[in-house]
Amino acid sequence: MNKLYIFGFILVCNTAFAQKHYGKSGVDVLRTYSQNVLGKNIGYYVEFTNEANREVDAIEWEA
């Protein structure tokens, strides 16, 4: 029974820290994912789309 409570707690914590991303000025986040090797996170990958009629000089991304 104790394992069930621990599993429920972990499940609630994972949904509380879900990824949040939103677009700005016509640049939208298409997809985000992380690369895990042997249980360790070694990097993040982000795909952007530009729906604006302007070119984008730079993108600031905070993980």
PDB file of N, CA and C in Angstrom:
ATOM      1  N   MET A   1       0.822  -1.199   0.000  1.00  0.00           N
ATOM      2  CA  MET A   1       0.000   0.000   0.000  1.00  0.00           C
ATOM      3  C   MET A   1       0.864   1.261   0.000  1.00  0.00           C
ATOM      4  N   ASN A   2       1.989   1.188   0.708  1.00  0.00           N
ATOM      5  CA  ASN A   2       2.885   2.336   0.773  1.00  0.00           C
ATOM      6  C   ASN A   2       3.467   2.653  -0.611  1.00  0.00           C
ATOM      7  N   LYS A   3       3.741   1.613  -1.410  1.00  0.00           N
ATOM      8  CA  LYS A   3       4.261   1.824  -2.759  1.00  0.00           C
ATOM      9  C   LYS A   3       3.243   2.540  -3.636  1.00  0.00           C
ATOM     10  N   LEU A   4       1.976   2.284  -3.408  1.00  0.00           N
ATOM     11  CA  LEU A   4       0.927   2.941  -4.176  1.00  0.00           C
ATOM     12  C   LEU A   4       0.898   4.437  -3.882  1.00  0.00           C
ATOM     13  N   TYR A   5       1.084   4.811  -2.626  1.00  0.00           N
ATOM     14  CA  TYR A   5       1.127   6.233  -2.273  1.00  0.00           C
ATOM     15  C   TYR A   5       2.340   6.921  -2.900  1.00  0.00           C
ATOM     16  N   ILE A   6       3.468   6.244  -2.882  1.00  0.00           N
ATOM     17  CA  ILE A   6       4.675   6.823  -3.476  1.00  0.00           C
ATOM     18  C   ILE A   6       4.491   6.999  -4.984  1.00  0.00           C
ATOM     19  N   PHE A   7       3.912   6.002  -5.635  1.00  0.00           N
ATOM     20  CA  PHE A   7       3.650   6.101  -7.070  1.00  0.00           C
ATOM     21  C   PHE A   7       2.705   7.258  -7.372  1.00  0.00           C
ATOM     22  N   GLY A   8       1.661   7.423  -6.580  1.00  0.00           N
ATOM     23  CA  GLY A   8       0.716   8.520  -6.770  1.00  0.00           C
ATOM     24  C   GLY A   8       1.374   9.874  -6.585  1.00  0.00           C
ATOM     25  N   PHE A   9       2.254   9.973  -5.596  1.00  0.00           N
ATOM     26  CA  PHE A   9       2.964  11.226  -5.340  1.00  0.00           C
ATOM     27  C   PHE A   9       3.867  11.588  -6.519  1.00  0.00           C
ATOM     28  N   ILE A  10       4.588  10.606  -7.040  1.00  0.00           N
ATOM     29  CA  ILE A  10       5.466  10.849  -8.185  1.00  0.00           C
ATOM     30  C   ILE A  10       4.653  11.249  -9.411  1.00  0.00           C
ATOM     31  N   LEU A  11       3.519  10.615  -9.607  1.00  0.00           N
ATOM     32  CA  LEU A  11       2.661  10.941 -10.741  1.00  0.00           C
ATOM     33  C   LEU A  11       2.152  12.376 -10.657  1.00  0.00           C
ATOM     34  N   VAL A  12       1.749  12.810  -9.477  1.00  0.00           N
ATOM     35  CA  VAL A  12       1.263  14.183  -9.293  1.00  0.00           C
ATOM     36  C   VAL A  12       2.391  15.180  -9.507  1.00  0.00           C
ATOM     37  N   CYS A  13       3.585  14.878  -9.017  1.00  0.00           N
ATOM     38  CA  CYS A  13       4.723  15.788  -9.189  1.00  0.00           C
ATOM     39  C   CYS A  13       5.103  15.934 -10.655  1.00  0.00           C
ATOM     40  N   ASN A  14       5.046  14.857 -11.412  1.00  0.00           N
ATOM     41  CA  ASN A  14       5.398  14.938 -12.829  1.00  0.00           C
ATOM     42  C   ASN A  14       4.424  15.805 -13.610  1.00  0.00           C
ATOM     43  N   THR A  15       3.159  15.760 -13.278  1.00  0.00           N
ATOM     44  CA  THR A  15       2.192  16.590 -13.997  1.00  0.00           C
ATOM     45  C   THR A  15       2.270  18.041 -13.552  1.00  0.00           C
ATOM     46  N   ALA A  16       2.745  18.301 -12.335  1.00  0.00           N
ATOM     47  CA  ALA A  16       2.853  19.672 -11.852  1.00  0.00           C
ATOM     48  C   ALA A  16       3.975  20.424 -12.558  1.00  0.00           C
ATOM     49  N   PHE A  17       5.008  19.719 -12.990  1.00  0.00           N
ATOM     50  CA  PHE A  17       6.148  20.352 -13.640  1.00  0.00           C
ATOM     51  C   PHE A  17       6.189  20.044 -15.133  1.00  0.00           C
ATOM     52  N   ALA A  18       5.042  20.004 -15.758  1.00  0.00           N
ATOM     53  CA  ALA A  18       4.970  19.727 -17.193  1.00  0.00           C
ATOM     54  C   ALA A  18       5.575  20.889 -17.976  1.00  0.00           C
ATOM     55  N   GLN A  19       6.026  20.597 -19.184  1.00  0.00           N
ATOM     56  CA  GLN A  19       6.634  21.627 -20.013  1.00  0.00           C
ATOM     57  C   GLN A  19       5.593  22.645 -20.446  1.00  0.00           C
ATOM     58  N   LYS A  20       5.985  23.915 -20.388  1.00  0.00           N
ATOM     59  CA  LYS A  20       5.117  24.998 -20.819  1.00  0.00           C
ATOM     60  C   LYS A  20       5.887  25.823 -21.836  1.00  0.00           C
ATOM     61  N   HIS A  21       5.311  26.038 -22.983  1.00  0.00           N
ATOM     62  CA  HIS A  21       5.938  26.880 -23.982  1.00  0.00           C
ATOM     63  C   HIS A  21       4.859  27.586 -24.785  1.00  0.00           C
ATOM     64  N   TYR A  22       5.198  28.772 -25.256  1.00  0.00           N
ATOM     65  CA  TYR A  22       4.246  29.561 -26.018  1.00  0.00           C
ATOM     66  C   TYR A  22       5.007  30.396 -27.040  1.00  0.00           C
ATOM     67  N   GLY A  23       4.324  30.786 -28.077  1.00  0.00           N
ATOM     68  CA  GLY A  23       4.933  31.568 -29.136  1.00  0.00           C
ATOM     69  C   GLY A  23       4.893  33.056 -28.848  1.00  0.00           C
ATOM     70  N   LYS A  24       5.731  33.782 -29.568  1.00  0.00           N
ATOM     71  CA  LYS A  24       5.778  35.230 -29.415  1.00  0.00           C
ATOM     72  C   LYS A  24       6.230  35.833 -30.744  1.00  0.00           C
ATOM     73  N   SER A  25       5.549  36.854 -31.191  1.00  0.00           N
ATOM     74  CA  SER A  25       5.893  37.589 -32.417  1.00  0.00           C
ATOM     75  C   SER A  25       5.941  36.692 -33.647  1.00  0.00           C
ATOM     76  N   GLY A  26       5.045  35.731 -33.728  1.00  0.00           N
ATOM     77  CA  GLY A  26       4.976  34.874 -34.902  1.00  0.00           C
ATOM     78  C   GLY A  26       5.900  33.677 -34.876  1.00  0.00           C
ATOM     79  N   VAL A  27       6.773  33.578 -33.880  1.00  0.00           N
ATOM     80  CA  VAL A  27       7.665  32.427 -33.748  1.00  0.00           C
ATOM     81  C   VAL A  27       7.053  31.505 -32.705  1.00  0.00           C
ATOM     82  N   ASP A  28       6.742  30.291 -33.131  1.00  0.00           N
ATOM     83  CA  ASP A  28       6.100  29.333 -32.235  1.00  0.00           C
ATOM     84  C   ASP A  28       7.010  28.139 -31.999  1.00  0.00           C
ATOM     85  N   VAL A  29       6.835  27.525 -30.848  1.00  0.00           N
ATOM     86  CA  VAL A  29       7.566  26.306 -30.526  1.00  0.00           C
ATOM     87  C   VAL A  29       6.795  25.140 -31.120  1.00  0.00           C
ATOM     88  N   LEU A  30       7.425  24.433 -32.022  1.00  0.00           N
ATOM     89  CA  LEU A  30       6.790  23.303 -32.680  1.00  0.00           C
ATOM     90  C   LEU A  30       6.882  22.056 -31.817  1.00  0.00           C
ATOM     91  N   ARG A  31       8.069  21.782 -31.279  1.00  0.00           N
ATOM     92  CA  ARG A  31       8.265  20.568 -30.498  1.00  0.00           C
ATOM     93  C   ARG A  31       9.461  20.742 -29.565  1.00  0.00           C
ATOM     94  N   THR A  32       9.361  20.211 -28.364  1.00  0.00           N
ATOM     95  CA  THR A  32      10.481  20.194 -27.428  1.00  0.00           C
ATOM     96  C   THR A  32      10.648  18.783 -26.894  1.00  0.00           C
ATOM     97  N   TYR A  33      11.871  18.394 -26.700  1.00  0.00           N
ATOM     98  CA  TYR A  33      12.133  17.095 -26.089  1.00  0.00           C
ATOM     99  C   TYR A  33      13.536  17.104 -25.503  1.00  0.00           C
ATOM    100  N   SER A  34      13.772  16.212 -24.570  1.00  0.00           N
ATOM    101  CA  SER A  34      15.079  16.114 -23.940  1.00  0.00           C
ATOM    102  C   SER A  34      15.715  14.779 -24.298  1.00  0.00           C
ATOM    103  N   GLN A  35      17.032  14.762 -24.276  1.00  0.00           N
ATOM    104  CA  GLN A  35      17.769  13.543 -24.583  1.00  0.00           C
ATOM    105  C   GLN A  35      18.288  12.962 -23.277  1.00  0.00           C
ATOM    106  N   ASN A  36      17.872  11.741 -22.978  1.00  0.00           N
ATOM    107  CA  ASN A  36      18.295  11.056 -21.763  1.00  0.00           C
ATOM    108  C   ASN A  36      19.175   9.870 -22.121  1.00  0.00           C
ATOM    109  N   VAL A  37      20.302   9.756 -21.431  1.00  0.00           N
ATOM    110  CA  VAL A  37      21.201   8.620 -21.601  1.00  0.00           C
ATOM    111  C   VAL A  37      21.486   8.049 -20.226  1.00  0.00           C
ATOM    112  N   LEU A  38      21.162   6.790 -20.040  1.00  0.00           N
ATOM    113  CA  LEU A  38      21.357   6.092 -18.770  1.00  0.00           C
ATOM    114  C   LEU A  38      20.713   6.841 -17.609  1.00  0.00           C
ATOM    115  N   GLY A  39      19.549   7.396 -17.854  1.00  0.00           N
ATOM    116  CA  GLY A  39      18.802   8.079 -16.805  1.00  0.00           C
ATOM    117  C   GLY A  39      19.230   9.504 -16.534  1.00  0.00           C
ATOM    118  N   LYS A  40      20.200  10.027 -17.268  1.00  0.00           N
ATOM    119  CA  LYS A  40      20.654  11.402 -17.053  1.00  0.00           C
ATOM    120  C   LYS A  40      20.277  12.250 -18.255  1.00  0.00           C
ATOM    121  N   ASN A  41      19.812  13.443 -17.973  1.00  0.00           N
ATOM    122  CA  ASN A  41      19.439  14.379 -19.030  1.00  0.00           C
ATOM    123  C   ASN A  41      20.703  15.060 -19.534  1.00  0.00           C
ATOM    124  N   ILE A  42      21.024  14.865 -20.814  1.00  0.00           N
ATOM    125  CA  ILE A  42      22.254  15.450 -21.347  1.00  0.00           C
ATOM    126  C   ILE A  42      21.991  16.588 -22.327  1.00  0.00           C
ATOM    127  N   GLY A  43      20.731  16.875 -22.638  1.00  0.00           N
ATOM    128  CA  GLY A  43      20.471  17.984 -23.544  1.00  0.00           C
ATOM    129  C   GLY A  43      19.008  18.150 -23.876  1.00  0.00           C
ATOM    130  N   TYR A  44      18.690  19.342 -24.372  1.00  0.00           N
ATOM    131  CA  TYR A  44      17.341  19.674 -24.805  1.00  0.00           C
ATOM    132  C   TYR A  44      17.358  20.004 -26.289  1.00  0.00           C
ATOM    133  N   TYR A  45      16.299  19.655 -26.958  1.00  0.00           N
ATOM    134  CA  TYR A  45      16.129  19.988 -28.366  1.00  0.00           C
ATOM    135  C   TYR A  45      14.815  20.735 -28.527  1.00  0.00           C
ATOM    136  N   VAL A  46      14.845  21.782 -29.335  1.00  0.00           N
ATOM    137  CA  VAL A  46      13.663  22.606 -29.561  1.00  0.00           C
ATOM    138  C   VAL A  46      13.552  22.877 -31.054  1.00  0.00           C
ATOM    139  N   GLU A  47      12.361  22.715 -31.596  1.00  0.00           N
ATOM    140  CA  GLU A  47      12.099  23.052 -32.993  1.00  0.00           C
ATOM    141  C   GLU A  47      11.149  24.246 -33.020  1.00  0.00           C
ATOM    142  N   PHE A  48      11.540  25.281 -33.758  1.00  0.00           N
ATOM    143  CA  PHE A  48      10.746  26.493 -33.872  1.00  0.00           C
ATOM    144  C   PHE A  48      10.166  26.608 -35.276  1.00  0.00           C
ATOM    145  N   THR A  49       9.039  27.290 -35.386  1.00  0.00           N
ATOM    146  CA  THR A  49       8.480  27.651 -36.681  1.00  0.00           C
ATOM    147  C   THR A  49       8.287  29.157 -36.710  1.00  0.00           C
ATOM    148  N   ASN A  50       8.541  29.751 -37.863  1.00  0.00           N
ATOM    149  CA  ASN A  50       8.384  31.189 -38.031  1.00  0.00           C
ATOM    150  C   ASN A  50       7.180  31.430 -38.927  1.00  0.00           C
ATOM    151  N   GLU A  51       6.088  31.873 -38.347  1.00  0.00           N
ATOM    152  CA  GLU A  51       4.865  32.141 -39.099  1.00  0.00           C
ATOM    153  C   GLU A  51       4.733  33.614 -39.470  1.00  0.00           C
ATOM    154  N   ALA A  52       5.697  34.421 -39.070  1.00  0.00           N
ATOM    155  CA  ALA A  52       5.648  35.856 -39.354  1.00  0.00           C
ATOM    156  C   ALA A  52       6.211  36.129 -40.745  1.00  0.00           C
ATOM    157  N   ASN A  53       5.957  37.304 -41.243  1.00  0.00           N
ATOM    158  CA  ASN A  53       6.481  37.714 -42.542  1.00  0.00           C
ATOM    159  C   ASN A  53       7.861  38.350 -42.422  1.00  0.00           C
ATOM    160  N   ARG A  54       8.409  38.371 -41.224  1.00  0.00           N
ATOM    161  CA  ARG A  54       9.715  38.977 -40.975  1.00  0.00           C
ATOM    162  C   ARG A  54      10.745  37.895 -40.674  1.00  0.00           C
ATOM    163  N   GLU A  55      12.015  38.247 -40.886  1.00  0.00           N
ATOM    164  CA  GLU A  55      13.097  37.351 -40.494  1.00  0.00           C
ATOM    165  C   GLU A  55      13.364  37.507 -39.005  1.00  0.00           C
ATOM    166  N   VAL A  56      13.884  36.468 -38.406  1.00  0.00           N
ATOM    167  CA  VAL A  56      14.202  36.485 -36.980  1.00  0.00           C
ATOM    168  C   VAL A  56      15.713  36.555 -36.834  1.00  0.00           C
ATOM    169  N   ASP A  57      16.192  37.542 -36.060  1.00  0.00           N
ATOM    170  CA  ASP A  57      17.634  37.696 -35.852  1.00  0.00           C
ATOM    171  C   ASP A  57      18.157  36.747 -34.776  1.00  0.00           C
ATOM    172  N   ALA A  58      17.397  36.586 -33.707  1.00  0.00           N
ATOM    173  CA  ALA A  58      17.867  35.753 -32.598  1.00  0.00           C
ATOM    174  C   ALA A  58      16.669  35.224 -31.820  1.00  0.00           C
ATOM    175  N   ILE A  59      16.898  34.126 -31.146  1.00  0.00           N
ATOM    176  CA  ILE A  59      15.875  33.536 -30.282  1.00  0.00           C
ATOM    177  C   ILE A  59      16.496  33.317 -28.916  1.00  0.00           C
ATOM    178  N   GLU A  60      15.827  33.787 -27.890  1.00  0.00           N
ATOM    179  CA  GLU A  60      16.285  33.552 -26.522  1.00  0.00           C
ATOM    180  C   GLU A  60      15.435  32.441 -25.930  1.00  0.00           C
ATOM    181  N   TRP A  61      16.084  31.399 -25.442  1.00  0.00           N
ATOM    182  CA  TRP A  61      15.377  30.233 -24.908  1.00  0.00           C
ATOM    183  C   TRP A  61      15.903  29.935 -23.519  1.00  0.00           C
ATOM    184  N   GLU A  62      15.012  29.745 -22.584  1.00  0.00           N
ATOM    185  CA  GLU A  62      15.408  29.437 -21.213  1.00  0.00           C
ATOM    186  C   GLU A  62      14.825  28.095 -20.828  1.00  0.00           C
ATOM    187  N   ALA A  63      15.677  27.202 -20.351  1.00  0.00           N
ATOM    188  CA  ALA A  63      15.221  25.867 -19.951  1.00  0.00           C
ATOM    189  C   ALA A  63      15.261  25.722 -18.451  1.00  0.00           C
TER     190      ALA A  63
END
